């Protein structure tokens, strides 16, 4: 039996402290507008899938995980 699979990962760094509105492009609510001062954001993700090369009773299996952190040094928002 041949097995097929793959894994992927991603990382993103975004910073709203430079007044470009990178993290809150739309200001639909006051809460969204308050995100302009949230500071740097780090986002991490990983996903994987596995599948037998011949279909049968064994299904394809996939999983993913993600985490987003913010460093708001002034804690005003």
Protein backbone atom coordinates (compact mmCIF):
# COMPACT_ATOMS: atom_id res chain seq x y z
CA UNK A 1 0.00 0.00 0.00
CA UNK A 2 1.41 3.39 -1.00
CA UNK A 3 0.72 6.33 1.27
CA UNK A 4 0.32 9.97 0.30
CA UNK A 5 0.51 12.94 2.63
CA UNK A 6 1.75 16.43 3.13
CA UNK A 7 2.39 19.03 5.80
CA UNK A 8 2.23 22.82 5.65
CA UNK A 9 3.12 25.61 8.05
CA UNK A 10 2.69 29.37 8.10
CA UNK A 11 3.87 32.35 10.15
CA UNK A 12 2.68 35.96 9.95
CA UNK A 13 3.89 39.05 11.78
CA UNK A 14 1.75 42.18 11.63
CA UNK A 15 2.09 45.41 13.59
CA UNK A 16 -0.59 48.06 14.04
CA UNK A 17 1.68 50.43 16.00
CA UNK A 18 2.95 52.00 12.76
CA UNK A 19 -0.49 53.65 12.19
CA UNK A 20 -1.11 51.88 8.89
CA UNK A 21 -4.20 50.01 10.12
CA UNK A 22 -2.76 46.66 9.04
CA UNK A 23 -4.77 44.68 11.61
CA UNK A 24 -8.05 46.59 11.43
CA UNK A 25 -8.61 47.71 7.86
CA UNK A 26 -12.38 48.10 8.29
CA UNK A 27 -13.68 50.28 11.09
CA UNK A 28 -17.24 48.97 11.22
CA UNK A 29 -17.53 49.26 15.03
CA UNK A 30 -15.81 51.14 17.86
CA UNK A 31 -14.25 47.84 18.95
CA UNK A 32 -12.73 47.35 15.49
CA UNK A 33 -11.35 50.91 15.58
CA UNK A 34 -9.78 50.23 19.00
CA UNK A 35 -7.64 47.49 17.43
CA UNK A 36 -5.42 50.13 15.83
CA UNK A 37 -3.43 50.22 19.09
CA UNK A 38 -3.27 46.46 19.69
CA UNK A 39 0.45 46.23 18.90
CA UNK A 40 2.33 43.42 17.19
CA UNK A 41 0.53 40.20 16.30
CA UNK A 42 2.21 36.84 15.68
CA UNK A 43 0.19 34.11 13.96
CA UNK A 44 1.33 30.50 13.66
CA UNK A 45 -0.35 27.62 11.82
CA UNK A 46 0.40 24.04 10.87
CA UNK A 47 -1.70 21.51 8.99
CA UNK A 48 -1.21 18.02 7.62
CA UNK A 49 -3.08 15.39 5.66
CA UNK A 50 -2.65 11.71 4.96
CA UNK A 51 -4.43 9.47 2.48
CA UNK A 52 -3.97 5.92 1.24
CA UNK A 53 -3.17 5.85 -2.48
CA UNK A 54 -5.92 3.26 -3.04
CA UNK A 55 -9.36 4.12 -1.70
CA UNK A 56 -11.14 1.64 0.50
CA UNK A 57 -12.31 1.63 4.08
CA UNK A 58 -9.38 3.76 5.27
CA UNK A 59 -10.38 7.44 5.04
CA UNK A 60 -8.27 10.48 4.33
CA UNK A 61 -7.21 12.11 7.59
CA UNK A 62 -6.42 15.81 8.02
CA UNK A 63 -5.69 18.05 10.99
CA UNK A 64 -4.74 21.65 11.62
CA UNK A 65 -3.73 23.97 14.45
CA UNK A 66 -3.40 27.73 14.72
CA UNK A 67 -2.41 30.33 17.32
CA UNK A 68 -2.53 34.14 17.27
CA UNK A 69 -0.81 36.23 19.97
CA UNK A 70 -0.81 39.99 20.58
CA UNK A 71 1.70 42.10 22.49
CA UNK A 72 -0.20 45.14 23.74
CA UNK A 73 2.42 46.84 25.89
CA UNK A 74 0.32 49.82 26.98
CA UNK A 75 -2.81 47.74 27.87
CA UNK A 76 -5.13 50.69 27.13
CA UNK A 77 -7.43 48.66 24.87
